[in-house]
Amino acid sequence: MTDLQALGDDPEENYEQFLAEAIDTGCVWALEGEEGFALCPSVDNDELDVMPLWSQPEYAQLHCRDEWAEYEVVPIALEELLDDWLPGMHSDLMLVGVNWNHELEGIELEPLDLLEDIDREAAE
């Protein structure tokens, strides 16, 4: 890794970092395998799937192990995330996991809440 600091144990700090870096770089990162994107059950509602996203490829790469060992880190343009992915995930009743740490711990939120937070952060 370059100058990147590992994501910490404070989900709120990791979320704020996600917002700032996503806006700064115009890109977020996901894991994609042969059967699609990496998903896991929600901690709060096992009826819902969560798609984790990271603000840096190195953070995503840390999770290419165990059941995701064959997955690859793929970029998603921020504009595409806001215009297509998040509304689609909302329609599909999915949640978004943001900048989960090495233990796969972090915030799960409604896709439209993330969209609003990115829009608000970008406007500041």
N, C-alpha and C. Protein backbone atom coordinates (compact mmCIF):
# COMPACT_ATOMS: atom_id res chain seq x y z
N MET A 1 0.84 -1.19 0.00
CA MET A 1 0.00 0.00 0.00
C MET A 1 0.88 1.24 0.00
N THR A 2 0.31 2.29 -0.55
CA THR A 2 1.04 3.55 -0.61
C THR A 2 0.87 4.27 0.73
N ASP A 3 0.42 5.50 0.71
CA ASP A 3 0.25 6.28 1.94
C ASP A 3 -1.07 5.97 2.62
N LEU A 4 -1.83 5.06 2.07
CA LEU A 4 -3.15 4.80 2.63
C LEU A 4 -3.05 4.24 4.03
N GLN A 5 -3.90 4.77 4.88
CA GLN A 5 -4.03 4.22 6.23
C GLN A 5 -5.12 3.16 6.17
N ALA A 6 -4.94 2.12 6.93
CA ALA A 6 -5.99 1.09 6.99
C ALA A 6 -7.25 1.71 7.56
N LEU A 7 -8.39 1.19 7.10
CA LEU A 7 -9.65 1.66 7.66
C LEU A 7 -9.72 1.23 9.12
N GLY A 8 -10.21 2.12 9.95
CA GLY A 8 -10.23 1.86 11.39
C GLY A 8 -11.51 1.18 11.86
N ASP A 9 -11.68 1.18 13.15
CA ASP A 9 -12.83 0.54 13.78
C ASP A 9 -14.01 1.47 13.96
N ASP A 10 -13.88 2.73 13.55
CA ASP A 10 -14.97 3.70 13.69
C ASP A 10 -15.72 3.80 12.36
N PRO A 11 -16.90 3.16 12.28
CA PRO A 11 -17.65 3.18 11.01
C PRO A 11 -17.99 4.59 10.52
N GLU A 12 -18.25 5.50 11.45
CA GLU A 12 -18.59 6.88 11.04
C GLU A 12 -17.40 7.55 10.36
N GLU A 13 -16.21 7.37 10.94
CA GLU A 13 -15.00 7.95 10.31
C GLU A 13 -14.76 7.33 8.94
N ASN A 14 -14.94 6.02 8.83
CA ASN A 14 -14.75 5.35 7.54
C ASN A 14 -15.76 5.85 6.52
N TYR A 15 -16.98 6.13 6.98
CA TYR A 15 -18.02 6.65 6.09
C TYR A 15 -17.67 8.05 5.59
N GLU A 16 -17.24 8.90 6.51
CA GLU A 16 -16.84 10.26 6.12
C GLU A 16 -15.68 10.21 5.13
N GLN A 17 -14.74 9.30 5.36
CA GLN A 17 -13.61 9.14 4.44
C GLN A 17 -14.11 8.69 3.07
N PHE A 18 -15.08 7.75 3.06
CA PHE A 18 -15.65 7.28 1.80
C PHE A 18 -16.24 8.44 1.02
N LEU A 19 -17.05 9.26 1.68
CA LEU A 19 -17.70 10.39 0.99
C LEU A 19 -16.64 11.33 0.40
N ALA A 20 -15.66 11.70 1.20
CA ALA A 20 -14.65 12.66 0.74
C ALA A 20 -13.84 12.09 -0.42
N GLU A 21 -13.40 10.83 -0.30
CA GLU A 21 -12.55 10.25 -1.35
C GLU A 21 -13.34 9.94 -2.61
N ALA A 22 -14.58 9.51 -2.48
CA ALA A 22 -15.40 9.23 -3.66
C ALA A 22 -15.62 10.50 -4.47
N ILE A 23 -15.89 11.58 -3.77
CA ILE A 23 -16.11 12.86 -4.46
C ILE A 23 -14.80 13.36 -5.07
N ASP A 24 -13.72 13.20 -4.33
CA ASP A 24 -12.41 13.68 -4.79
C ASP A 24 -11.95 12.91 -6.03
N THR A 25 -12.11 11.60 -6.04
CA THR A 25 -11.60 10.79 -7.15
C THR A 25 -12.65 10.55 -8.24
N GLY A 26 -13.94 10.73 -7.91
CA GLY A 26 -15.00 10.47 -8.87
C GLY A 26 -15.21 8.99 -9.14
N CYS A 27 -14.80 8.15 -8.19
CA CYS A 27 -14.85 6.70 -8.40
C CYS A 27 -14.99 5.99 -7.06
N VAL A 28 -15.68 4.85 -7.10
CA VAL A 28 -15.72 3.93 -5.96
C VAL A 28 -15.36 2.55 -6.48
N TRP A 29 -15.17 1.60 -5.57
CA TRP A 29 -14.65 0.28 -5.94
C TRP A 29 -15.52 -0.82 -5.36
N ALA A 30 -15.75 -1.84 -6.16
CA ALA A 30 -16.54 -3.00 -5.75
C ALA A 30 -15.76 -4.26 -6.09
N LEU A 31 -16.30 -5.40 -5.68
CA LEU A 31 -15.71 -6.70 -6.01
C LEU A 31 -16.64 -7.43 -6.95
N GLU A 32 -16.09 -7.93 -8.06
CA GLU A 32 -16.90 -8.65 -9.04
C GLU A 32 -16.28 -10.02 -9.31
N GLY A 33 -17.14 -11.03 -9.34
CA GLY A 33 -16.72 -12.39 -9.65
C GLY A 33 -17.53 -12.94 -10.81
N GLU A 34 -17.35 -14.21 -11.10
CA GLU A 34 -18.04 -14.84 -12.23
C GLU A 34 -19.56 -14.75 -12.12
N GLU A 35 -20.07 -14.79 -10.91
CA GLU A 35 -21.52 -14.79 -10.71
C GLU A 35 -22.07 -13.41 -10.39
N GLY A 36 -21.26 -12.37 -10.53
CA GLY A 36 -21.74 -11.02 -10.27
C GLY A 36 -20.93 -10.34 -9.17
N PHE A 37 -21.52 -9.34 -8.61
CA PHE A 37 -20.84 -8.54 -7.59
C PHE A 37 -20.95 -9.19 -6.21
N ALA A 38 -19.95 -8.92 -5.40
CA ALA A 38 -19.92 -9.45 -4.04
C ALA A 38 -21.07 -8.88 -3.24
N LEU A 39 -21.82 -9.77 -2.62
CA LEU A 39 -22.94 -9.40 -1.75
C LEU A 39 -22.84 -10.21 -0.47
N CYS A 40 -23.41 -9.70 0.58
CA CYS A 40 -23.52 -10.49 1.80
C CYS A 40 -24.79 -10.09 2.53
N PRO A 41 -25.29 -10.94 3.41
CA PRO A 41 -26.52 -10.62 4.12
C PRO A 41 -26.31 -9.45 5.08
N SER A 42 -27.34 -8.66 5.25
CA SER A 42 -27.30 -7.55 6.19
C SER A 42 -27.18 -8.07 7.61
N VAL A 43 -26.44 -7.35 8.42
CA VAL A 43 -26.32 -7.69 9.84
C VAL A 43 -27.66 -7.45 10.55
N ASP A 44 -28.38 -6.41 10.12
CA ASP A 44 -29.61 -6.02 10.79
C ASP A 44 -30.86 -6.72 10.25
N ASN A 45 -30.81 -7.18 8.99
CA ASN A 45 -31.99 -7.77 8.37
C ASN A 45 -31.53 -8.84 7.39
N ASP A 46 -31.62 -10.11 7.80
CA ASP A 46 -31.07 -11.17 6.95
C ASP A 46 -31.90 -11.43 5.69
N GLU A 47 -32.96 -10.65 5.51
CA GLU A 47 -33.74 -10.72 4.27
C GLU A 47 -33.13 -9.82 3.18
N LEU A 48 -32.25 -8.94 3.58
CA LEU A 48 -31.67 -7.98 2.64
C LEU A 48 -30.21 -8.31 2.37
N ASP A 49 -29.79 -8.09 1.12
CA ASP A 49 -28.39 -8.21 0.75
C ASP A 49 -27.73 -6.84 0.81
N VAL A 50 -26.45 -6.86 1.08
CA VAL A 50 -25.65 -5.63 1.13
C VAL A 50 -24.53 -5.76 0.09
N MET A 51 -24.35 -4.71 -0.68
CA MET A 51 -23.23 -4.66 -1.62
C MET A 51 -22.18 -3.72 -1.05
N PRO A 52 -21.02 -4.25 -0.69
CA PRO A 52 -19.98 -3.38 -0.14
C PRO A 52 -19.27 -2.58 -1.23
N LEU A 53 -18.96 -1.34 -0.91
CA LEU A 53 -18.21 -0.44 -1.79
C LEU A 53 -17.10 0.21 -0.97
N TRP A 54 -16.00 0.50 -1.64
CA TRP A 54 -14.87 1.15 -0.96
C TRP A 54 -14.44 2.37 -1.75
N SER A 55 -13.78 3.28 -1.03
CA SER A 55 -13.32 4.53 -1.65
C SER A 55 -11.94 4.40 -2.29
N GLN A 56 -11.25 3.30 -2.04
CA GLN A 56 -9.92 3.08 -2.62
C GLN A 56 -9.81 1.62 -3.06
N PRO A 57 -9.15 1.35 -4.18
CA PRO A 57 -9.02 -0.04 -4.63
C PRO A 57 -8.29 -0.92 -3.62
N GLU A 58 -7.34 -0.35 -2.91
CA GLU A 58 -6.57 -1.14 -1.94
C GLU A 58 -7.47 -1.64 -0.81
N TYR A 59 -8.45 -0.84 -0.41
CA TYR A 59 -9.37 -1.28 0.64
C TYR A 59 -10.20 -2.47 0.15
N ALA A 60 -10.66 -2.38 -1.08
CA ALA A 60 -11.45 -3.48 -1.65
C ALA A 60 -10.60 -4.73 -1.80
N GLN A 61 -9.36 -4.55 -2.22
CA GLN A 61 -8.47 -5.69 -2.47
C GLN A 61 -8.25 -6.53 -1.21
N LEU A 62 -8.29 -5.91 -0.05
CA LEU A 62 -8.10 -6.64 1.21
C LEU A 62 -9.15 -7.73 1.40
N HIS A 63 -10.27 -7.61 0.71
CA HIS A 63 -11.39 -8.55 0.88
C HIS A 63 -11.42 -9.64 -0.18
N CYS A 64 -10.44 -9.65 -1.06
CA CYS A 64 -10.35 -10.71 -2.08
C CYS A 64 -9.71 -11.94 -1.45
N ARG A 65 -10.44 -12.53 -0.52
CA ARG A 65 -9.98 -13.71 0.20
C ARG A 65 -11.21 -14.53 0.60
N ASP A 66 -10.97 -15.72 1.08
CA ASP A 66 -12.05 -16.62 1.51
C ASP A 66 -13.06 -16.78 0.38
N GLU A 67 -14.34 -16.54 0.65
CA GLU A 67 -15.34 -16.77 -0.40
C GLU A 67 -15.23 -15.78 -1.56
N TRP A 68 -14.49 -14.69 -1.38
CA TRP A 68 -14.30 -13.71 -2.44
C TRP A 68 -12.89 -13.79 -3.03
N ALA A 69 -12.20 -14.88 -2.82
CA ALA A 69 -10.81 -15.01 -3.29
C ALA A 69 -10.69 -14.87 -4.80
N GLU A 70 -11.70 -15.29 -5.55
CA GLU A 70 -11.65 -15.23 -7.02
C GLU A 70 -12.22 -13.91 -7.57
N TYR A 71 -12.62 -13.02 -6.70
CA TYR A 71 -13.21 -11.75 -7.14
C TYR A 71 -12.11 -10.76 -7.51
N GLU A 72 -12.49 -9.82 -8.37
CA GLU A 72 -11.57 -8.76 -8.78
C GLU A 72 -12.12 -7.42 -8.35
N VAL A 73 -11.22 -6.50 -8.09
CA VAL A 73 -11.59 -5.13 -7.73
C VAL A 73 -11.93 -4.39 -9.02
N VAL A 74 -13.13 -3.80 -9.07
CA VAL A 74 -13.56 -3.08 -10.27
C VAL A 74 -14.02 -1.67 -9.90
N PRO A 75 -13.71 -0.70 -10.76
CA PRO A 75 -14.14 0.68 -10.50
C PRO A 75 -15.58 0.91 -10.95
N ILE A 76 -16.24 1.80 -10.24
CA ILE A 76 -17.56 2.29 -10.64
C ILE A 76 -17.47 3.81 -10.60
N ALA A 77 -17.70 4.44 -11.74
CA ALA A 77 -17.66 5.90 -11.79
C ALA A 77 -18.73 6.47 -10.86
N LEU A 78 -18.38 7.52 -10.13
CA LEU A 78 -19.31 8.11 -9.17
C LEU A 78 -20.61 8.53 -9.84
N GLU A 79 -20.50 9.12 -11.03
CA GLU A 79 -21.71 9.57 -11.75
C GLU A 79 -22.62 8.37 -12.06
N GLU A 80 -22.02 7.27 -12.47
CA GLU A 80 -22.79 6.06 -12.76
C GLU A 80 -23.42 5.49 -11.48
N LEU A 81 -22.66 5.55 -10.38
CA LEU A 81 -23.17 5.10 -9.09
C LEU A 81 -24.42 5.90 -8.72
N LEU A 82 -24.33 7.20 -8.85
CA LEU A 82 -25.44 8.08 -8.45
C LEU A 82 -26.64 7.96 -9.39
N ASP A 83 -26.38 7.87 -10.69
CA ASP A 83 -27.47 7.88 -11.68
C ASP A 83 -28.13 6.52 -11.85
N ASP A 84 -27.34 5.44 -11.78
CA ASP A 84 -27.86 4.12 -12.12
C ASP A 84 -27.85 3.14 -10.96
N TRP A 85 -26.68 2.96 -10.36
CA TRP A 85 -26.51 1.90 -9.36
C TRP A 85 -27.39 2.11 -8.13
N LEU A 86 -27.28 3.28 -7.50
CA LEU A 86 -28.01 3.47 -6.25
C LEU A 86 -29.53 3.43 -6.44
N PRO A 87 -30.09 4.09 -7.46
CA PRO A 87 -31.53 3.93 -7.68
C PRO A 87 -31.92 2.48 -7.97
N GLY A 88 -31.09 1.76 -8.73
CA GLY A 88 -31.37 0.36 -9.03
C GLY A 88 -31.31 -0.51 -7.80
N MET A 89 -30.33 -0.25 -6.93
CA MET A 89 -30.21 -1.02 -5.69
C MET A 89 -31.40 -0.74 -4.78
N HIS A 90 -31.87 0.49 -4.78
CA HIS A 90 -33.06 0.84 -4.00
C HIS A 90 -34.26 0.04 -4.52
N SER A 91 -34.42 0.00 -5.83
CA SER A 91 -35.53 -0.76 -6.44
C SER A 91 -35.44 -2.24 -6.14
N ASP A 92 -34.20 -2.76 -6.06
CA ASP A 92 -33.97 -4.18 -5.79
C ASP A 92 -33.98 -4.50 -4.30
N LEU A 93 -34.28 -3.50 -3.47
CA LEU A 93 -34.33 -3.67 -2.01
C LEU A 93 -33.00 -4.19 -1.45
N MET A 94 -31.93 -3.52 -1.86
CA MET A 94 -30.59 -3.85 -1.37
C MET A 94 -30.07 -2.71 -0.51
N LEU A 95 -29.06 -3.00 0.27
CA LEU A 95 -28.37 -1.98 1.05
C LEU A 95 -26.96 -1.82 0.51
N VAL A 96 -26.31 -0.74 0.93
CA VAL A 96 -24.92 -0.48 0.55
C VAL A 96 -24.07 -0.54 1.81
N GLY A 97 -22.95 -1.24 1.70
CA GLY A 97 -21.96 -1.25 2.78
C GLY A 97 -20.82 -0.34 2.38
N VAL A 98 -20.43 0.56 3.26
CA VAL A 98 -19.49 1.60 2.87
C VAL A 98 -18.18 1.51 3.65
N ASN A 99 -17.07 1.38 2.89
CA ASN A 99 -15.72 1.35 3.47
C ASN A 99 -15.64 0.42 4.67
N TRP A 100 -16.10 -0.82 4.46
CA TRP A 100 -15.99 -1.80 5.54
C TRP A 100 -14.52 -2.08 5.82
N ASN A 101 -14.20 -2.26 7.08
CA ASN A 101 -12.82 -2.53 7.47
C ASN A 101 -12.45 -3.98 7.19
N HIS A 102 -11.26 -4.38 7.60
CA HIS A 102 -10.76 -5.72 7.30
C HIS A 102 -11.60 -6.82 7.93
N GLU A 103 -12.42 -6.49 8.92
CA GLU A 103 -13.30 -7.47 9.55
C GLU A 103 -14.70 -7.48 8.91
N LEU A 104 -14.84 -6.78 7.80
CA LEU A 104 -16.15 -6.60 7.14
C LEU A 104 -17.14 -5.95 8.08
N GLU A 105 -16.68 -4.98 8.84
CA GLU A 105 -17.53 -4.22 9.74
C GLU A 105 -17.64 -2.80 9.22
N GLY A 106 -18.84 -2.27 9.29
CA GLY A 106 -19.05 -0.90 8.87
C GLY A 106 -20.52 -0.58 8.69
N ILE A 107 -20.76 0.56 8.14
CA ILE A 107 -22.12 1.07 7.98
C ILE A 107 -22.82 0.35 6.84
N GLU A 108 -24.10 0.04 7.08
CA GLU A 108 -25.02 -0.43 6.03
C GLU A 108 -26.09 0.65 5.93
N LEU A 109 -26.38 1.09 4.71
CA LEU A 109 -27.40 2.11 4.58
C LEU A 109 -28.19 1.96 3.30
N GLU A 110 -29.34 2.62 3.30
CA GLU A 110 -30.20 2.63 2.13
C GLU A 110 -29.46 3.34 0.99
N PRO A 111 -29.56 2.82 -0.22
CA PRO A 111 -28.85 3.45 -1.35
C PRO A 111 -29.21 4.92 -1.55
N LEU A 112 -30.47 5.28 -1.36
CA LEU A 112 -30.86 6.68 -1.58
C LEU A 112 -30.32 7.59 -0.48
N ASP A 113 -30.07 7.03 0.71
CA ASP A 113 -29.44 7.83 1.76
C ASP A 113 -27.99 8.14 1.38
N LEU A 114 -27.30 7.15 0.81
CA LEU A 114 -25.93 7.40 0.34
C LEU A 114 -25.93 8.44 -0.77
N LEU A 115 -26.87 8.33 -1.69
CA LEU A 115 -26.98 9.30 -2.79
C LEU A 115 -27.15 10.72 -2.22
N GLU A 116 -28.06 10.87 -1.25
CA GLU A 116 -28.27 12.19 -0.64
C GLU A 116 -27.02 12.70 0.06
N ASP A 117 -26.34 11.81 0.79
CA ASP A 117 -25.14 12.22 1.51
C ASP A 117 -24.03 12.65 0.54
N ILE A 118 -23.87 11.93 -0.56
CA ILE A 118 -22.86 12.31 -1.55
C ILE A 118 -23.22 13.67 -2.17
N ASP A 119 -24.49 13.83 -2.54
CA ASP A 119 -24.92 15.11 -3.11
C ASP A 119 -24.68 16.26 -2.12
N ARG A 120 -25.01 16.06 -0.86
CA ARG A 120 -24.85 17.09 0.14
C ARG A 120 -23.36 17.40 0.35
N GLU A 121 -22.55 16.36 0.46
CA GLU A 121 -21.11 16.54 0.67
C GLU A 121 -20.47 17.26 -0.53
N ALA A 122 -20.90 16.90 -1.74
CA ALA A 122 -20.34 17.52 -2.94
C ALA A 122 -20.71 19.01 -3.05
N ALA A 123 -21.87 19.37 -2.49
CA ALA A 123 -22.33 20.74 -2.56
C ALA A 123 -21.60 21.65 -1.57
N GLU A 124 -20.97 21.06 -0.56
CA GLU A 124 -20.31 21.87 0.47
C GLU A 124 -18.96 22.39 0.01
